C-alpha cells in the first residue's frame, strides 16, 4: 500500500500542531483570570470545567481549586480539595497498561501524579488553612507531615536522591505554631532543626540563607526555656544580644507569597555520542541548555537497540520562569518598617527536584525511544511509505510532560513582630518597578494570642514557552 506524499505531509502538520501546545497554553483561560487576581472568575471557570476532576489532570484540578478557595478565604472548602489531592497521591498506583503507555506514547496521556515537591506542598496549604480556621492542633499535624512525606519520598530512591530532602520553612513554621500554643521546648527544637536545615541544605542547594528572624527566635526560645548555655552559645555565634521579651506578649506572623512559580515547557536532548559494545555509553546533550547526561546502554534492559542510529531526539521537560512583578515588601506597624525575609524559594526547589528526577529516570525515556525506533525499522522493511508515516508519528509524539502545579507562588517570605495589644492594624507595602502598593490588615483588638496573616501578590511575567 502506498501513501501519497502530500497526505503524509498533511498528517504530519496536523499531528505536529496538536502536539505542540504545552499544559500552560492549554490552561490559558484559567491562567489569565487567576494571574490577573480575578479569583471569582477563576473559580467559576473551574466549576464549569469540573469534569477535569474525573480525568487524567484531576490532581491539578484539585490543587488549583484548593489554591483559589484559599485565596478567597474559603478555608474549609480549600482543605476539602487539598484532601482530595492528598488522597489521589496516596491511591495512585502504576498499572501495566500505564507503564506501557508511558514507554510508547506521549506521557501527557497518563494521569498526572505530581512532582515530589508538589505532593509535599499540599500539606503547607492545609497548614495555612487550619491556622486561619483557628485549629492549631490540626495545623501542627499537617506541618509535621511535610518532612515525614519528604523522608518517605527520598527513601524510595536508592541513589540520586532529591536535594529537597528537608523543608526548612516547614520546621520554622512548626516552631511558630508550637510557640503560639505555649510549647516553648518543642518550639526551641523546631527552630533549632530549621536553623540546621537552612545552614546545611538550603544555603547551598537553593541559595536561601538562615533568616535573621530565625536566629532571634532561637535565642529567645532558649531564654524562655532557661537554656542558658544554648542561649549564650547562639548569641556568640550569631553576634546577637538577646532583647528580653515576655512570653505573654503575642506575636504577629506574616507570610508573603510572591509571584507565581515556574511552568513546564520542554527542550530536546540529542544523542551526540555512542560507543558500541557490551559497555556502550549513550550521551544525550543540549549545548544551549548546558545539559549533558551519559546513560549506560545496558540500562535499556533489552527494550530496543539504538546502536544503528546516528541521530535521536528526546523531549525533556524544563521549567520556564515567571518573574514576579514585586521586588520586595515590608510590614509597616506603628510607623516602623519591618522587611520580609525570604524563607522558601519554590522556583529553586522545583528546578532542583525536576533535575534530580530526570537524572534518575532518563533510562526510561531512552527505553521509550528504543521501542519507537524498533517499530519504525520493522515497518519500514515492509512498506517504505508506512515507515515514513511511523517516523513522523514518532517525531510528533516525542513530547515531554509539561504539566505542573501552576498556581503555586514563586517564593515565600515572612516577618515576625511583637504585638502591641492596643494596636490592631498594619500595612503591607509591596515594591514594584513603577511604585508601591499598600494593603491594610486588621484583626480582633486586645488579642492575647499570636496572629497569623498572609497575602499572595500574584503579579508575574508571562513565561517564554
Protein backbone atom coordinates (compact mmCIF):
# COMPACT_ATOMS: atom_id res chain seq x y z
CA UNK A 1 0.00 0.00 0.00
CA UNK A 2 1.41 3.39 -1.00
CA UNK A 3 0.67 6.68 0.80
CA UNK A 4 0.70 9.91 -1.28
CA UNK A 5 3.43 12.26 -0.13
CA UNK A 6 1.03 15.19 0.28
CA UNK A 7 -1.13 13.07 2.60
CA UNK A 8 1.87 12.24 4.71
CA UNK A 9 2.84 15.91 4.90
CA UNK A 10 -0.71 16.94 5.85
CA UNK A 11 -0.92 14.32 8.58
CA UNK A 12 2.48 15.44 9.82
CA UNK A 13 1.30 19.04 10.10
CA UNK A 14 -1.91 18.07 11.93
CA UNK A 15 -0.10 15.88 14.41
CA UNK A 16 2.62 18.46 14.94
CA UNK A 17 0.19 21.26 15.70
CA UNK A 18 -1.87 19.10 18.05
CA UNK A 19 1.24 18.05 19.95
CA UNK A 20 2.81 21.50 20.33
CA UNK A 21 0.62 23.10 22.99
CA UNK A 22 2.04 22.95 26.50
CA UNK A 23 -0.20 22.46 29.52
CA UNK A 24 0.23 26.16 30.36
CA UNK A 25 -1.09 27.08 26.92
CA UNK A 26 -3.97 24.62 27.24
CA UNK A 27 -4.94 26.31 30.51
CA UNK A 28 -4.76 29.83 29.06
CA UNK A 29 -8.31 30.81 30.11
CA UNK A 30 -7.81 29.85 33.74
CA UNK A 31 -4.30 31.32 33.87
CA UNK A 32 -5.48 34.66 32.51
CA UNK A 33 -8.15 35.00 35.18
CA UNK A 34 -6.01 33.71 38.04
CA UNK A 35 -2.87 35.76 37.34
CA UNK A 36 -4.97 38.92 37.00
CA UNK A 37 -6.31 38.31 40.51
CA UNK A 38 -9.84 37.76 39.21
CA UNK A 39 -10.39 34.93 41.66
CA UNK A 40 -14.17 34.70 41.43
CA UNK A 41 -13.88 34.30 37.66
CA UNK A 42 -11.13 31.72 38.12
CA UNK A 43 -13.39 29.78 40.50
CA UNK A 44 -16.31 29.93 38.06
CA UNK A 45 -14.06 28.61 35.31
CA UNK A 46 -13.04 25.66 37.47
CA UNK A 47 -16.66 25.00 38.45
CA UNK A 48 -17.67 24.98 34.77
CA UNK A 49 -14.84 22.53 34.00
CA UNK A 50 -15.29 20.24 36.98
CA UNK A 51 -15.22 17.21 34.66
CA UNK A 52 -11.44 17.65 34.79
CA UNK A 53 -11.67 16.23 38.32
CA UNK A 54 -12.53 12.87 36.73
CA UNK A 55 -9.83 12.83 34.06
CA UNK A 56 -6.06 12.47 33.80
CA UNK A 57 -5.39 16.01 35.09
CA UNK A 58 -7.61 15.63 38.16
CA UNK A 59 -4.75 16.15 40.61
CA UNK A 60 -4.03 19.56 39.05
CA UNK A 61 -7.73 20.44 39.18
CA UNK A 62 -7.83 19.70 42.92
CA UNK A 63 -4.64 21.70 43.53
CA UNK A 64 -5.77 24.78 41.59
CA UNK A 65 -9.22 24.65 43.16
CA UNK A 66 -7.62 24.42 46.60
CA UNK A 67 -5.47 27.50 45.98
CA UNK A 68 -8.35 29.56 44.58
CA UNK A 69 -10.60 28.72 47.54
CA UNK A 70 -7.74 29.55 49.94
CA UNK A 71 -7.20 32.97 48.37
CA UNK A 72 -10.94 33.65 48.52
CA UNK A 73 -10.88 32.93 52.25
CA UNK A 74 -12.89 29.71 51.90
CA UNK A 75 -10.50 27.72 54.07
CA UNK A 76 -12.81 24.77 54.77
CA UNK A 77 -13.57 24.34 51.07
CA UNK A 78 -9.88 24.75 50.25
CA UNK A 79 -8.95 21.92 52.58
CA UNK A 80 -11.62 19.72 51.01
CA UNK A 81 -9.89 19.96 47.62
CA UNK A 82 -6.41 19.61 49.07
CA UNK A 83 -7.60 16.49 50.89
CA UNK A 84 -8.88 15.14 47.57
CA UNK A 85 -5.44 15.85 46.09
CA UNK A 86 -3.77 14.12 49.03
CA UNK A 87 -5.99 11.03 48.67
CA UNK A 88 -5.24 10.86 44.94
CA UNK A 89 -1.46 10.93 45.53
CA UNK A 90 -1.84 8.21 48.16
CA UNK A 91 -4.03 5.98 45.99
CA UNK A 92 -2.13 6.45 42.73
CA UNK A 93 -0.70 3.13 41.63
CA UNK A 94 1.15 2.17 38.49
CA UNK A 95 -0.54 -0.30 36.18
CA UNK A 96 0.99 -2.42 33.44
CA UNK A 97 -1.02 -0.63 30.78
CA UNK A 98 0.01 2.77 32.17
CA UNK A 99 3.66 1.83 32.15
CA UNK A 100 3.46 0.57 28.57
CA UNK A 101 1.67 3.74 27.52
CA UNK A 102 4.38 5.86 29.11
CA UNK A 103 7.05 3.83 27.30
CA UNK A 104 5.45 4.13 23.86
CA UNK A 105 3.43 7.35 23.69
CA UNK A 106 3.07 10.89 24.86
CA UNK A 107 3.46 10.83 28.70
CA UNK A 108 0.77 13.52 28.96
CA UNK A 109 -1.77 10.79 28.20
CA UNK A 110 -1.18 9.32 31.65
CA UNK A 111 -2.77 10.61 34.87
CA UNK A 112 -0.54 13.30 36.37
CA UNK A 113 0.90 12.11 39.68
CA UNK A 114 2.73 15.31 40.75
CA UNK A 115 6.37 16.16 41.31
CA UNK A 116 7.67 15.23 44.74
CA UNK A 117 7.75 18.82 45.99
CA UNK A 118 4.17 19.40 44.78
CA UNK A 119 2.94 16.41 46.78
CA UNK A 120 4.72 17.84 49.83
CA UNK A 121 3.33 21.37 49.47
CA UNK A 122 -0.25 20.11 49.69
CA UNK A 123 0.41 19.94 53.44
CA UNK A 124 1.72 23.53 53.52
CA UNK A 125 -1.59 24.89 52.23
CA UNK A 126 -3.57 22.66 54.57
CA UNK A 127 -1.46 24.01 57.43
CA UNK A 128 -2.26 27.61 56.47
CA UNK A 129 -5.96 26.77 56.15
CA UNK A 130 -6.09 25.20 59.62
CA UNK A 131 -4.26 28.21 61.10
CA UNK A 132 -6.81 30.54 59.50
CA UNK A 133 -9.59 28.39 60.95
CA UNK A 134 -8.01 28.67 64.42
CA UNK A 135 -7.30 24.94 64.54
CA UNK A 136 -3.67 24.99 65.63
CA UNK A 137 -3.59 21.33 66.65
CA UNK A 138 -4.66 20.27 63.14
CA UNK A 139 -2.21 22.77 61.65
CA UNK A 140 0.57 21.17 63.67
CA UNK A 141 -0.35 17.71 62.35
CA UNK A 142 -0.20 18.95 58.75
CA UNK A 143 3.10 20.79 59.08
CA UNK A 144 4.69 17.71 60.67
CA UNK A 145 3.60 15.70 57.64
CA UNK A 146 5.76 17.82 55.33
CA UNK A 147 9.10 16.40 56.43
CA UNK A 148 7.61 12.96 57.10
CA UNK A 149 6.47 12.91 53.46
CA UNK A 150 9.90 14.10 52.28
CA UNK A 151 11.59 11.27 54.16
CA UNK A 152 9.25 8.69 52.64
CA UNK A 153 9.73 10.03 49.12
CA UNK A 154 13.52 10.01 49.39
CA UNK A 155 13.55 6.52 50.91
CA UNK A 156 12.24 5.22 47.57
CA UNK A 157 15.43 6.24 45.78
CA UNK A 158 18.46 4.06 46.39
CA UNK A 159 20.73 6.68 44.92
CA UNK A 160 20.41 10.11 43.29
CA UNK A 161 18.04 11.31 45.98
CA UNK A 162 16.45 14.75 45.82
CA UNK A 163 18.37 17.73 47.11
CA UNK A 164 15.00 18.76 48.52
CA UNK A 165 15.31 16.31 51.41
CA UNK A 166 14.19 18.56 54.25
CA UNK A 167 11.89 21.59 54.34
CA UNK A 168 13.48 24.28 56.49
CA UNK A 169 10.49 26.61 56.25
CA UNK A 170 8.15 23.84 57.46
CA UNK A 171 10.34 23.37 60.54
CA UNK A 172 10.35 27.14 61.06
CA UNK A 173 6.55 27.27 60.74
CA UNK A 174 6.27 24.34 63.13
CA UNK A 175 8.22 26.36 65.69
CA UNK A 176 5.82 29.29 65.30
CA UNK A 177 2.80 27.04 65.88
CA UNK A 178 4.37 25.42 68.94
CA UNK A 179 5.20 28.87 70.29
CA UNK A 180 1.62 30.07 69.69
CA UNK A 181 0.42 27.07 71.73
CA UNK A 182 2.87 27.83 74.56
CA UNK A 183 5.02 24.72 73.91
CA UNK A 184 8.34 26.54 74.21
CA UNK A 185 10.55 23.46 74.50
CA UNK A 186 9.10 21.99 71.29
CA UNK A 187 9.36 25.42 69.64
CA UNK A 188 13.06 25.58 70.55
CA UNK A 189 13.68 22.15 69.00
CA UNK A 190 11.79 23.08 65.82
CA UNK A 191 13.66 26.38 65.44
CA UNK A 192 16.98 24.63 66.02
CA UNK A 193 16.14 22.00 63.38
CA UNK A 194 15.11 24.77 60.98
CA UNK A 195 18.39 26.57 61.57
CA UNK A 196 20.37 23.40 60.77
CA UNK A 197 18.28 22.78 57.63
CA UNK A 198 18.83 26.32 56.33
CA UNK A 199 22.55 26.26 57.11
CA UNK A 200 23.32 22.74 55.86
CA UNK A 201 20.84 22.29 52.97
CA UNK A 202 19.09 25.46 51.82
CA UNK A 203 22.14 27.73 51.70
CA UNK A 204 23.90 25.51 49.18
CA UNK A 205 21.04 23.78 47.33
CA UNK A 206 18.60 26.72 46.99
CA UNK A 207 20.69 29.81 47.82
CA UNK A 208 18.47 30.65 50.80
CA UNK A 209 20.41 31.66 53.90
CA UNK A 210 19.28 31.42 57.52
CA UNK A 211 16.66 34.15 58.11
CA UNK A 212 17.80 36.70 60.68
CA UNK A 213 14.42 36.40 62.38
CA UNK A 214 15.01 32.68 62.98
CA UNK A 215 18.25 33.47 64.80
CA UNK A 216 16.41 35.84 67.13
CA UNK A 217 13.66 33.25 67.70
CA UNK A 218 16.16 30.53 68.52
CA UNK A 219 17.88 32.71 71.13
CA UNK A 220 14.54 33.82 72.57
CA UNK A 221 13.23 30.26 72.91
CA UNK A 222 16.47 29.23 74.63
CA UNK A 223 15.90 32.06 77.10
CA UNK A 224 12.22 31.16 77.64
CA UNK A 225 13.25 27.58 78.46
CA UNK A 226 16.09 28.63 80.74
CA UNK A 227 18.68 27.05 78.44
CA UNK A 228 21.39 29.48 79.48
CA UNK A 229 24.25 27.61 77.85
CA UNK A 230 22.49 27.34 74.48
CA UNK A 231 21.38 30.99 74.68
CA UNK A 232 24.92 32.22 75.20
CA UNK A 233 26.27 29.91 72.50
CA UNK A 234 23.85 31.23 69.89
CA UNK A 235 24.31 34.85 70.98
CA UNK A 236 28.05 34.46 70.42
CA UNK A 237 27.62 32.50 67.17
CA UNK A 238 25.15 34.97 65.64
CA UNK A 239 26.56 38.17 67.16
CA UNK A 240 23.12 38.94 68.60
CA UNK A 241 22.34 40.04 72.14
CA UNK A 242 19.00 38.81 73.48
CA UNK A 243 16.41 41.52 73.92
CA UNK A 244 14.21 40.45 76.80
CA UNK A 245 10.58 39.81 75.85
CA UNK A 246 7.70 38.48 77.91
CA UNK A 247 6.30 35.08 76.84
CA UNK A 248 2.83 36.59 77.33
CA UNK A 249 3.40 39.16 74.57
CA UNK A 250 1.61 37.97 71.40
CA UNK A 251 3.47 37.75 68.10
CA UNK A 252 2.41 38.67 64.60
CA UNK A 253 3.39 36.05 62.00
CA UNK A 254 3.07 37.44 58.48
CA UNK A 255 3.66 35.34 55.34
CA UNK A 256 4.07 36.99 51.95
CA UNK A 257 3.67 34.73 48.92
CA UNK A 258 5.22 36.50 45.94
CA UNK A 259 4.56 35.89 42.27
CA UNK A 260 3.91 32.55 40.64
CA UNK A 261 6.14 29.52 40.29
CA UNK A 262 7.61 28.32 37.01
CA UNK A 263 5.68 26.46 34.31
CA UNK A 264 6.90 23.45 32.41
CA UNK A 265 7.94 23.59 28.80
CA UNK A 266 10.29 21.25 27.00
CA UNK A 267 13.63 21.11 25.24
CA UNK A 268 15.42 18.48 23.20
CA UNK A 269 18.27 16.23 24.18
CA UNK A 270 20.12 14.83 21.19
CA UNK A 271 22.18 11.65 21.07
CA UNK A 272 25.63 13.11 20.49
CA UNK A 273 27.92 10.12 21.06
CA UNK A 274 27.67 6.36 21.12
CA UNK A 275 30.29 3.72 21.82
CA UNK A 276 29.30 0.20 20.77
CA UNK A 277 29.94 -2.96 22.72
CA UNK A 278 28.82 -4.56 25.91
CA UNK A 279 29.50 -1.42 27.95
CA UNK A 280 28.32 1.12 25.40
CA UNK A 281 27.59 4.63 26.61
CA UNK A 282 24.89 6.91 25.23
CA UNK A 283 25.42 10.63 25.75
CA UNK A 284 22.37 12.87 25.49
CA UNK A 285 23.09 16.59 25.46
CA UNK A 286 21.80 20.05 24.65
CA UNK A 287 24.58 22.61 24.44
CA UNK A 288 22.25 25.62 24.63
CA UNK A 289 20.75 24.32 27.88
CA UNK A 290 24.11 23.22 29.27
CA UNK A 291 22.59 19.78 29.81
CA UNK A 292 24.51 16.53 29.29
CA UNK A 293 23.73 13.08 30.70
CA UNK A 294 25.55 9.82 29.92
CA UNK A 295 23.46 6.64 30.03
CA UNK A 296 24.82 3.09 30.07
CA UNK A 297 23.20 1.29 27.14
CA UNK A 298 22.89 -1.82 29.31
CA UNK A 299 20.18 0.08 31.25
CA UNK A 300 17.79 -0.43 28.33
CA UNK A 301 17.05 -3.94 29.59
CA UNK A 302 16.60 -5.32 26.08
CA UNK A 303 13.82 -2.88 25.25
CA UNK A 304 15.36 -1.86 21.96
CA UNK A 305 18.56 -1.32 20.03
CA UNK A 306 19.92 2.16 19.39
CA UNK A 307 23.34 1.12 18.08
CA UNK A 308 22.50 1.51 14.38
CA UNK A 309 21.13 5.04 14.76
CA UNK A 310 23.09 8.22 14.11
CA UNK A 311 20.65 10.79 15.47
CA UNK A 312 17.92 10.59 18.07
CA UNK A 313 15.87 13.37 19.68
CA UNK A 314 14.46 13.07 23.18
CA UNK A 315 11.95 15.59 24.58
CA UNK A 316 12.70 16.57 28.18
CA UNK A 317 10.65 18.84 30.49
CA UNK A 318 12.13 22.05 31.79
CA UNK A 319 10.85 24.92 33.91
CA UNK A 320 10.30 28.38 32.45
CA UNK A 321 10.34 31.27 34.91
CA UNK A 322 7.50 33.69 35.57
CA UNK A 323 9.34 36.62 37.09
CA UNK A 324 7.43 38.23 40.00
CA UNK A 325 6.39 41.83 39.38
CA UNK A 326 7.06 42.71 43.03
CA UNK A 327 10.69 43.10 44.03
CA UNK A 328 10.21 43.15 47.78
CA UNK A 329 7.87 44.03 50.61
CA UNK A 330 7.76 45.27 54.19
CA UNK A 331 5.27 45.47 57.03
CA UNK A 332 4.51 48.93 58.38
CA UNK A 333 3.41 48.65 62.01
CA UNK A 334 3.28 51.52 64.48
CA UNK A 335 5.08 53.67 61.89
CA UNK A 336 8.02 51.25 61.75
CA UNK A 337 9.17 49.30 58.69
CA UNK A 338 9.79 45.54 59.06
CA UNK A 339 11.22 43.97 55.86
CA UNK A 340 10.12 40.46 54.97
CA UNK A 341 12.86 37.84 54.70
CA UNK A 342 12.99 35.04 52.14
CA UNK A 343 12.14 31.69 53.75
CA UNK A 344 11.21 29.37 50.83
CA UNK A 345 12.30 29.61 47.18
CA UNK A 346 9.75 27.37 45.45
CA UNK A 347 11.15 28.11 41.99
CA UNK A 348 14.58 26.83 43.04
CA UNK A 349 13.08 23.76 44.75
CA UNK A 350 11.04 22.98 41.62
CA UNK A 351 14.07 23.18 39.34
CA UNK A 352 16.28 21.04 41.56
CA UNK A 353 13.56 18.41 42.06
CA UNK A 354 12.98 18.11 38.31
CA UNK A 355 16.70 17.86 37.57
CA UNK A 356 17.12 15.17 40.23
CA UNK A 357 14.17 13.22 38.81
CA UNK A 358 15.49 13.41 35.25
CA UNK A 359 18.83 12.06 36.38
CA UNK A 360 17.03 9.03 37.83
CA UNK A 361 14.55 8.45 35.01
CA UNK A 362 16.47 9.15 31.81
CA UNK A 363 16.98 5.44 31.13
CA UNK A 364 13.17 5.02 31.00
CA UNK A 365 12.97 7.73 28.35
CA UNK A 366 15.77 6.10 26.37
CA UNK A 367 13.80 2.85 26.51
CA UNK A 368 10.74 4.62 25.10
CA UNK A 369 12.80 5.88 22.16
CA UNK A 370 14.26 2.43 21.58
CA UNK A 371 10.76 0.91 21.29
CA UNK A 372 9.68 3.63 18.86
CA UNK A 373 12.76 3.24 16.68
CA UNK A 374 12.44 -0.55 16.63
CA UNK A 375 8.81 -0.25 15.47
CA UNK A 376 9.81 2.24 12.80
CA UNK A 377 12.56 -0.03 11.44
CA UNK A 378 10.27 -3.08 11.36
CA UNK A 379 7.51 -1.23 9.48
CA UNK A 380 9.95 0.35 7.02
CA UNK A 381 11.13 -3.13 5.95
CA UNK A 382 7.57 -3.97 4.91
CA UNK A 383 6.50 -0.62 3.49
CA UNK A 384 8.73 2.40 2.95
CA UNK A 385 5.89 4.94 2.92
CA UNK A 386 4.27 3.46 6.02
CA UNK A 387 7.68 3.51 7.64
CA UNK A 388 7.90 7.23 6.87
CA UNK A 389 4.49 7.71 8.45
CA UNK A 390 5.62 5.89 11.60
CA UNK A 391 8.75 8.05 11.63
CA UNK A 392 6.61 11.20 11.53
CA UNK A 393 4.36 9.81 14.26
CA UNK A 394 7.42 9.08 16.40
CA UNK A 395 8.69 12.62 15.93
CA UNK A 396 5.47 14.40 16.88
CA UNK A 397 4.62 12.11 19.79
CA UNK A 398 8.08 12.51 21.31
CA UNK A 399 6.84 15.09 23.77
CA UNK A 400 7.68 15.87 27.37
CA UNK A 401 5.05 16.05 30.09
CA UNK A 402 4.59 19.80 30.55
CA UNK A 403 2.01 19.59 33.32
CA UNK A 404 2.70 21.09 36.74
CA UNK A 405 1.01 22.88 39.64
CA UNK A 406 0.97 26.40 38.22
CA UNK A 407 -0.87 28.29 40.97
CA UNK A 408 2.00 27.90 43.44
CA UNK A 409 3.91 31.05 44.47
CA UNK A 410 7.41 31.82 43.25
CA UNK A 411 8.63 32.29 46.83
CA UNK A 412 7.52 32.75 50.43
CA UNK A 413 8.89 35.44 52.75
CA UNK A 414 7.94 36.20 56.34
CA UNK A 415 8.35 38.52 59.29
CA UNK A 416 7.51 38.21 63.00
CA UNK A 417 6.70 41.26 65.12
CA UNK A 418 5.86 41.57 68.85
CA UNK A 419 2.33 42.97 69.01
CA UNK A 420 1.01 45.90 70.97
CA UNK A 421 -2.40 44.69 72.14
CA UNK A 422 -3.76 48.23 71.79
CA UNK A 423 -2.93 48.38 68.05
CA UNK A 424 -4.75 46.03 65.69
CA UNK A 425 -3.89 47.15 62.17
CA UNK A 426 -0.89 47.25 59.85
CA UNK A 427 0.05 47.83 56.22
CA UNK A 428 1.83 45.58 53.76
CA UNK A 429 3.91 47.77 51.47
CA UNK A 430 4.84 45.98 48.23
CA UNK A 431 7.54 47.40 45.96
CA UNK A 432 7.15 47.43 42.18
CA UNK A 433 9.27 48.94 39.42
CA UNK A 434 6.77 51.79 38.98
CA UNK A 435 5.92 52.40 42.63
CA UNK A 436 4.35 50.79 45.68
CA UNK A 437 1.09 49.09 46.55
CA UNK A 438 -0.34 49.13 50.06
CA UNK A 439 -2.67 46.51 51.56
CA UNK A 440 -4.22 47.05 55.00
CA UNK A 441 -4.92 44.32 57.55
CA UNK A 442 -6.95 44.32 60.76
CA UNK A 443 -7.65 41.71 63.43
CA UNK A 444 -9.55 41.45 66.71
CA UNK A 445 -8.49 44.14 69.16
CA UNK A 446 -6.84 43.34 72.52
CA UNK A 447 -5.88 39.84 71.44
CA UNK A 448 -3.61 37.88 73.73
CA UNK A 449 -2.98 35.25 71.09
CA UNK A 450 -0.48 35.14 68.26
CA UNK A 451 -1.83 36.48 64.97
CA UNK A 452 -1.20 34.76 61.61
CA UNK A 453 -1.73 36.77 58.42
CA UNK A 454 -0.80 36.15 54.80
CA UNK A 455 -1.03 37.74 51.36
CA UNK A 456 -0.26 36.47 47.85
CA UNK A 457 0.94 39.06 45.30
CA UNK A 458 0.05 37.25 42.08
CA UNK A 459 1.60 39.62 39.53
CA UNK A 460 4.15 37.80 37.36
CA UNK A 461 5.55 37.98 33.84
CA UNK A 462 4.44 35.50 31.20
CA UNK A 463 6.82 32.57 30.69
CA UNK A 464 8.71 32.13 27.45
CA UNK A 465 7.49 28.73 26.25
